[in-house]
N, C-alpha and C. Protein backbone atom coordinates (compact mmCIF):
# COMPACT_ATOMS: atom_id res chain seq x y z
N UNK A 1 -3.33 14.98 2.38
CA UNK A 1 -2.66 14.33 1.05
C UNK A 1 -2.25 13.38 1.66
N UNK A 2 -2.23 11.58 1.91
CA UNK A 2 -1.61 10.72 1.40
C UNK A 2 -1.14 10.88 0.83
N UNK A 3 0.65 9.92 0.73
CA UNK A 3 1.35 9.02 -0.08
C UNK A 3 1.89 7.90 0.44
N UNK A 4 2.20 7.56 -0.67
CA UNK A 4 2.64 6.12 -0.51
C UNK A 4 3.90 6.30 -1.86
N UNK A 5 5.40 5.75 -1.10
CA UNK A 5 6.63 6.05 -2.05
C UNK A 5 6.94 4.51 -2.21
N UNK A 6 7.50 4.23 -2.93
CA UNK A 6 8.01 2.46 -3.14
C UNK A 6 9.46 3.00 -3.32
N UNK A 7 10.41 1.86 -3.28
CA UNK A 7 11.79 1.64 -3.75
C UNK A 7 12.13 0.41 -3.19
N UNK A 8 12.89 0.09 -3.81
CA UNK A 8 14.09 -0.69 -3.73
C UNK A 8 14.21 -2.21 -4.92
N UNK A 9 12.84 -1.80 -6.19
CA UNK A 9 13.68 -2.55 -6.63
C UNK A 9 14.26 -2.88 -8.00
N UNK A 10 14.49 -3.56 -8.74
CA UNK A 10 15.73 -4.02 -9.79
C UNK A 10 15.51 -5.15 -10.05
N UNK A 11 16.79 -5.27 -10.86
CA UNK A 11 17.40 -7.01 -11.55
C UNK A 11 18.14 -7.52 -10.93
N UNK A 12 17.77 -8.53 -11.14
CA UNK A 12 18.58 -9.91 -9.97
C UNK A 12 18.61 -10.87 -10.81
N UNK A 13 19.29 -11.74 -10.64
CA UNK A 13 19.44 -12.77 -11.37
C UNK A 13 18.22 -13.70 -10.63
N UNK A 14 18.13 -14.62 -11.15
CA UNK A 14 17.11 -16.06 -10.38
C UNK A 14 17.78 -16.56 -9.25
N UNK A 15 16.85 -16.75 -7.90
CA UNK A 15 18.32 -17.00 -6.89
C UNK A 15 18.33 -16.02 -5.85
N UNK A 16 18.19 -15.22 -6.43
CA UNK A 16 19.10 -13.72 -5.80
C UNK A 16 17.74 -13.10 -5.02
N UNK A 17 17.97 -12.08 -4.47
CA UNK A 17 17.03 -11.64 -3.49
C UNK A 17 16.57 -10.28 -4.04
N UNK A 18 15.54 -9.31 -3.30
CA UNK A 18 15.42 -7.72 -3.04
C UNK A 18 14.81 -7.96 -2.07
N UNK A 19 14.74 -6.51 -2.16
CA UNK A 19 13.43 -5.83 -0.29
C UNK A 19 13.27 -4.69 -0.94
N UNK A 20 11.60 -4.70 -1.07
CA UNK A 20 10.53 -3.85 -0.70
C UNK A 20 10.68 -3.12 0.38
N UNK A 21 10.45 -1.69 0.22
CA UNK A 21 10.48 -0.70 1.02
C UNK A 21 9.07 0.46 0.79
N UNK A 22 7.66 0.56 1.05
CA UNK A 22 6.66 1.69 0.81
C UNK A 22 6.13 2.24 2.59
N UNK A 23 6.82 3.57 1.88
CA UNK A 23 6.68 4.22 3.37
C UNK A 23 5.74 5.65 3.14
N UNK A 24 4.66 5.28 3.80
CA UNK A 24 3.61 6.62 4.00
C UNK A 24 3.85 7.73 4.82
N UNK A 25 3.23 8.29 4.04
CA UNK A 25 3.26 10.76 4.85
C UNK A 25 2.58 10.83 4.30
N UNK A 26 1.96 12.43 5.11
CA UNK A 26 0.97 12.85 4.86
C UNK A 26 -0.32 12.93 6.14
N UNK A 27 -1.32 13.33 6.32
CA UNK A 27 -1.92 14.00 6.94
C UNK A 27 -2.73 12.21 7.19
N UNK A 28 -1.57 11.41 8.10
CA UNK A 28 -2.16 9.75 8.62
C UNK A 28 -2.26 10.17 10.45
N UNK A 29 -3.31 9.81 10.36
CA UNK A 29 -4.28 9.33 12.19
C UNK A 29 -3.72 7.82 12.34
N UNK A 30 -4.41 6.72 11.34
CA UNK A 30 -3.44 5.87 11.67
C UNK A 30 -3.67 4.36 10.35
N UNK A 31 -3.00 3.38 9.98
CA UNK A 31 -2.92 2.59 9.06
C UNK A 31 -3.42 1.40 9.65
N UNK A 32 -4.88 1.19 8.44
CA UNK A 32 -4.63 -0.46 8.74
C UNK A 32 -4.09 -1.84 8.15
N UNK A 33 -4.61 -2.46 7.31
CA UNK A 33 -3.96 -3.23 7.12
C UNK A 33 -2.70 -2.58 5.71
N UNK A 34 -1.88 -2.79 5.59
CA UNK A 34 -0.52 -2.82 4.23
C UNK A 34 -0.57 -4.42 3.62
N UNK A 35 -0.36 -4.16 2.40
CA UNK A 35 -0.17 -5.04 1.58
C UNK A 35 0.59 -4.56 0.16
N UNK A 36 1.05 -5.64 -0.59
CA UNK A 36 2.48 -6.23 -1.82
C UNK A 36 1.48 -6.65 -2.99
N UNK A 37 0.84 -5.98 -3.94
CA UNK A 37 0.42 -6.68 -5.33
C UNK A 37 1.55 -6.43 -6.43
N UNK A 38 1.35 -7.15 -7.24
CA UNK A 38 2.44 -7.11 -8.51
C UNK A 38 1.28 -7.36 -9.69
N UNK A 39 1.51 -7.03 -11.12
CA UNK A 39 1.20 -6.95 -12.27
C UNK A 39 2.49 -7.01 -13.48
N UNK A 40 2.23 -8.79 -14.02
CA UNK A 40 2.43 -8.26 -14.99
C UNK A 40 2.30 -8.06 -16.24
N UNK A 41 3.02 -8.58 -17.44
CA UNK A 41 2.55 -7.46 -18.84
C UNK A 41 1.78 -8.40 -18.95
N UNK A 42 0.42 -7.85 -19.37
CA UNK A 42 -1.08 -9.05 -19.66
C UNK A 42 -1.19 -9.45 -19.29
N UNK A 43 -1.17 -9.21 -17.51
CA UNK A 43 -1.93 -10.44 -16.43
C UNK A 43 -2.73 -9.62 -15.85
N UNK A 44 -3.50 -10.10 -14.49
CA UNK A 44 -4.46 -8.97 -13.95
C UNK A 44 -2.96 -8.45 -12.30
N UNK A 45 -3.39 -7.42 -11.54
CA UNK A 45 -2.77 -7.02 -10.51
C UNK A 45 -3.41 -8.21 -9.72
N UNK A 46 -2.46 -8.88 -8.73
CA UNK A 46 -2.50 -9.92 -8.04
C UNK A 46 -2.02 -9.85 -6.34
N UNK A 47 -2.60 -10.28 -5.39
CA UNK A 47 -2.07 -9.86 -4.75
C UNK A 47 -0.85 -11.49 -4.23
N UNK A 48 0.21 -10.87 -3.46
CA UNK A 48 1.39 -11.08 -2.68
C UNK A 48 1.36 -11.11 -1.56
N UNK A 49 1.53 -10.32 -0.53
CA UNK A 49 1.34 -10.50 0.84
C UNK A 49 0.61 -9.45 1.37
N UNK A 50 -0.23 -9.84 2.45
CA UNK A 50 -0.18 -8.96 2.99
C UNK A 50 -0.53 -8.46 4.87
N UNK A 51 -0.80 -7.75 5.24
CA UNK A 51 0.06 -7.16 6.63
C UNK A 51 -0.82 -6.58 7.57
N UNK A 52 -1.94 -7.57 8.54
CA UNK A 52 -2.48 -6.35 9.33
C UNK A 52 -1.63 -5.78 10.79
N UNK A 53 -2.86 -4.72 11.33
CA UNK A 53 -2.17 -3.56 12.26
C UNK A 53 -1.73 -4.69 13.26
N UNK A 54 -2.35 -5.65 13.51
CA UNK A 54 -1.96 -6.26 14.25
C UNK A 54 -0.80 -7.65 14.34
N UNK A 55 -0.24 -7.39 13.16
CA UNK A 55 0.75 -8.45 12.63
C UNK A 55 0.75 -9.91 11.52
N UNK A 56 -1.04 -9.52 11.52
CA UNK A 56 -1.25 -10.66 10.72
C UNK A 56 -0.71 -10.96 9.32
N UNK A 57 -0.53 -12.16 8.67
CA UNK A 57 -0.07 -11.71 7.73
C UNK A 57 -0.66 -12.98 6.39
N UNK A 58 -0.58 -12.50 5.66
CA UNK A 58 -1.60 -13.68 4.12
C UNK A 58 -0.26 -13.71 2.80
N UNK A 59 -0.46 -14.07 2.63
CA UNK A 59 0.59 -14.47 1.89
C UNK A 59 0.17 -15.41 -0.14
N UNK A 60 0.32 -15.34 -0.73
CA UNK A 60 0.01 -15.91 -2.08
C UNK A 60 0.65 -16.98 -1.95
N UNK A 61 0.02 -18.10 -2.59
CA UNK A 61 0.72 -19.25 -2.55
C UNK A 61 1.70 -19.57 -3.18
N UNK A 62 1.94 -18.61 -4.91
CA UNK A 62 3.30 -18.90 -5.38
C UNK A 62 4.48 -18.09 -4.72
N UNK A 63 4.04 -17.28 -3.61
CA UNK A 63 5.78 -17.01 -3.45
C UNK A 63 5.43 -17.07 -1.35
N UNK A 64 5.04 -18.10 -1.04
CA UNK A 64 5.18 -18.34 0.88
C UNK A 64 6.51 -19.40 0.52
N UNK A 65 6.90 -18.81 1.43
CA UNK A 65 8.24 -19.70 1.88
C UNK A 65 9.26 -18.81 1.19
N UNK A 66 9.20 -17.95 0.71
CA UNK A 66 10.10 -17.08 0.16
C UNK A 66 9.85 -15.91 -0.04
N UNK A 67 9.26 -15.38 0.26
CA UNK A 67 9.37 -14.03 0.59
C UNK A 67 8.14 -13.80 1.80
N UNK A 68 8.21 -12.45 2.59
CA UNK A 68 7.88 -12.11 3.85
C UNK A 68 7.69 -10.47 4.17
N UNK A 69 6.78 -10.53 4.42
CA UNK A 69 6.63 -8.62 4.42
C UNK A 69 6.20 -8.53 6.14
N UNK A 70 6.35 -7.09 6.17
CA UNK A 70 6.29 -6.78 7.81
C UNK A 70 6.33 -5.67 7.33
N UNK A 71 5.93 -4.73 8.90
CA UNK A 71 6.46 -3.37 9.12
C UNK A 71 6.06 -2.60 10.56
N UNK A 72 7.05 -1.46 10.02
CA UNK A 72 6.88 -0.51 11.33
C UNK A 72 6.53 0.66 11.34
N UNK A 73 5.33 0.85 12.13
CA UNK A 73 4.20 1.14 12.29
C UNK A 73 4.88 2.48 12.95
N UNK A 74 5.95 2.08 13.59
CA UNK A 74 6.61 4.40 14.08
C UNK A 74 6.51 4.82 12.49
N UNK A 75 7.44 4.07 12.09
CA UNK A 75 7.65 4.99 10.64
C UNK A 75 7.03 4.56 9.23
N UNK A 76 5.27 4.37 9.37
CA UNK A 76 4.46 3.57 8.61
C UNK A 76 4.79 3.69 7.67
N UNK A 77 5.66 2.74 7.45
CA UNK A 77 6.59 1.88 6.39
C UNK A 77 6.33 0.06 6.43
N UNK A 78 6.03 -0.47 5.18
CA UNK A 78 5.81 -1.81 5.06
C UNK A 78 6.89 -2.11 3.75
N UNK A 79 7.58 -3.45 4.56
CA UNK A 79 8.54 -4.12 3.92
C UNK A 79 8.35 -5.12 2.95
N UNK A 80 8.92 -5.73 1.95
CA UNK A 80 8.89 -7.40 1.48
C UNK A 80 10.03 -7.53 0.86
N UNK A 81 10.47 -8.86 2.15
CA UNK A 81 11.68 -9.23 1.67
C UNK A 81 11.69 -10.33 0.78
N UNK A 82 12.36 -10.33 -0.43
CA UNK A 82 12.05 -11.37 -1.28
C UNK A 82 13.38 -12.59 -1.62
N UNK A 83 13.45 -13.19 -1.38
CA UNK A 83 14.14 -14.53 -1.55
C UNK A 83 14.07 -15.49 -2.57
N UNK A 84 15.09 -16.24 -3.11
CA UNK A 84 14.93 -17.16 -4.17
C UNK A 84 14.02 -16.83 -5.09
N UNK A 85 14.34 -15.68 -5.55
CA UNK A 85 13.81 -14.77 -6.78
C UNK A 85 13.44 -15.79 -7.76
N UNK A 86 11.94 -15.71 -8.56
CA UNK A 86 12.11 -16.37 -9.94
C UNK A 86 12.00 -15.68 -10.86
N UNK A 87 12.06 -16.20 -12.73
CA UNK A 87 12.17 -15.29 -13.38
C UNK A 87 9.77 -15.03 -13.33
N UNK A 88 9.29 -15.85 -12.94
CA UNK A 88 8.25 -15.25 -12.77
C UNK A 88 7.75 -14.03 -11.65
N UNK A 89 8.63 -13.94 -11.16
CA UNK A 89 8.28 -13.11 -9.92
C UNK A 89 8.56 -11.47 -10.78
N UNK A 90 8.91 -11.44 -11.90
CA UNK A 90 9.81 -9.88 -12.84
C UNK A 90 7.65 -9.71 -13.43
N UNK A 91 7.34 -8.32 -12.01
CA UNK A 91 6.73 -7.62 -12.10
C UNK A 91 6.73 -6.30 -11.81
N UNK A 92 5.79 -5.49 -12.08
CA UNK A 92 5.30 -4.32 -11.09
C UNK A 92 5.43 -4.29 -9.87
N UNK A 93 5.77 -4.06 -8.89
CA UNK A 93 5.24 -4.49 -7.77
C UNK A 93 4.42 -3.16 -6.90
N UNK A 94 3.53 -3.11 -6.41
CA UNK A 94 2.23 -1.75 -5.58
C UNK A 94 2.15 -2.26 -4.37
N UNK A 95 2.43 -1.35 -3.20
CA UNK A 95 2.51 -1.06 -1.89
C UNK A 95 0.53 -0.54 -2.10
N UNK A 96 -0.23 -0.86 -0.93
CA UNK A 96 -1.30 -0.52 -0.59
C UNK A 96 -2.23 -0.81 1.05
N UNK A 97 -2.26 0.50 1.06
CA UNK A 97 -2.27 0.85 2.15
C UNK A 97 -4.35 1.30 3.02
N UNK A 98 -4.40 0.74 4.22
CA UNK A 98 -5.37 1.61 3.94
C UNK A 98 -5.66 2.52 5.33
N UNK A 99 -6.06 3.67 4.90
CA UNK A 99 -5.17 4.90 6.08
C UNK A 99 -6.35 5.67 6.51
N UNK A 100 -6.87 5.28 8.09
CA UNK A 100 -7.80 6.79 8.50
C UNK A 100 -6.92 7.92 8.25
N UNK A 101 -6.97 9.13 8.09
CA UNK A 101 -7.01 10.15 8.14
C UNK A 101 -7.66 11.08 9.18
N UNK A 102 -7.79 10.52 10.09
CA UNK A 102 -9.07 11.61 10.99
C UNK A 102 -10.55 11.96 10.14
N UNK A 103 -10.56 11.77 9.51
CA UNK A 103 -11.97 11.85 9.25
C UNK A 103 -12.42 10.66 7.98
N UNK A 104 -11.62 9.85 7.40
CA UNK A 104 -12.02 9.12 6.64
C UNK A 104 -11.30 7.83 6.72
N UNK A 105 -11.78 6.66 5.95
CA UNK A 105 -11.12 5.40 5.67
C UNK A 105 -11.05 5.57 3.99
N UNK A 106 -9.19 5.25 4.06
CA UNK A 106 -9.15 5.04 2.21
C UNK A 106 -8.45 4.23 2.00
N UNK A 107 -8.56 3.80 0.62
CA UNK A 107 -7.12 2.59 0.71
C UNK A 107 -6.15 3.71 -0.65
N UNK A 108 -4.71 3.80 -0.38
CA UNK A 108 -4.34 3.91 -1.16
C UNK A 108 -2.92 2.92 -2.00
N UNK A 109 -2.82 4.08 -2.97
CA UNK A 109 -1.53 2.53 -4.15
C UNK A 109 -0.18 3.59 -3.85
N UNK A 110 0.97 3.07 -4.31
CA UNK A 110 1.98 3.59 -4.57
C UNK A 110 2.15 3.14 -5.98
N UNK A 111 3.07 4.47 -5.96
CA UNK A 111 3.15 4.19 -7.87
C UNK A 111 3.90 3.08 -8.67
N UNK A 112 4.64 2.18 -7.93
CA UNK A 112 4.66 0.93 -8.69
C UNK A 112 6.29 1.08 -8.73
N UNK A 113 6.89 -0.30 -8.06
CA UNK A 113 8.47 -0.43 -8.87
C UNK A 113 8.27 -1.69 -9.01
N UNK A 114 9.63 -2.21 -10.32
CA UNK A 114 9.58 -2.64 -11.21
C UNK A 114 10.43 -4.04 -10.73
N UNK A 115 11.01 -5.35 -10.90
CA UNK A 115 11.03 -5.92 -10.48
C UNK A 115 11.31 -7.13 -11.18
N UNK A 116 12.57 -7.15 -12.32
CA UNK A 116 12.88 -8.48 -13.04
C UNK A 116 14.08 -8.95 -12.63
N UNK A 117 13.54 -10.35 -12.43
CA UNK A 117 14.37 -11.44 -12.41
C UNK A 117 15.28 -12.52 -13.68
N UNK A 118 15.82 -11.80 -14.18
CA UNK A 118 16.77 -13.07 -15.40
C UNK A 118 17.08 -14.29 -14.66
N UNK A 119 17.25 -15.45 -15.75
CA UNK A 119 17.40 -16.72 -16.05
C UNK A 119 18.63 -17.12 -15.84
């Protein structure tokens, strides 16, 4: 059984910073891509940033230059450094990872962590 556990969300003023973490645990053979998505009230879930096993990255246009995704393969952990936060960044942030458990490859989601940016 694989589990993703997120941490680091909270309330911050506009212009501030937060760092999200997501640790994968359980029966893991290897991890392919990892990423962060977010969902604001009344909106669809959207990709924020993704990182491949080779550390190639991809960002939503709305966060380019402000957010940085990184990963620590030894710890099976992905991070999202969020700077210059704006009220429109307010959402529940979800971690996603594509994981091999020795026999199958599947996508997993974390439980979500709330990020609230006040103006």
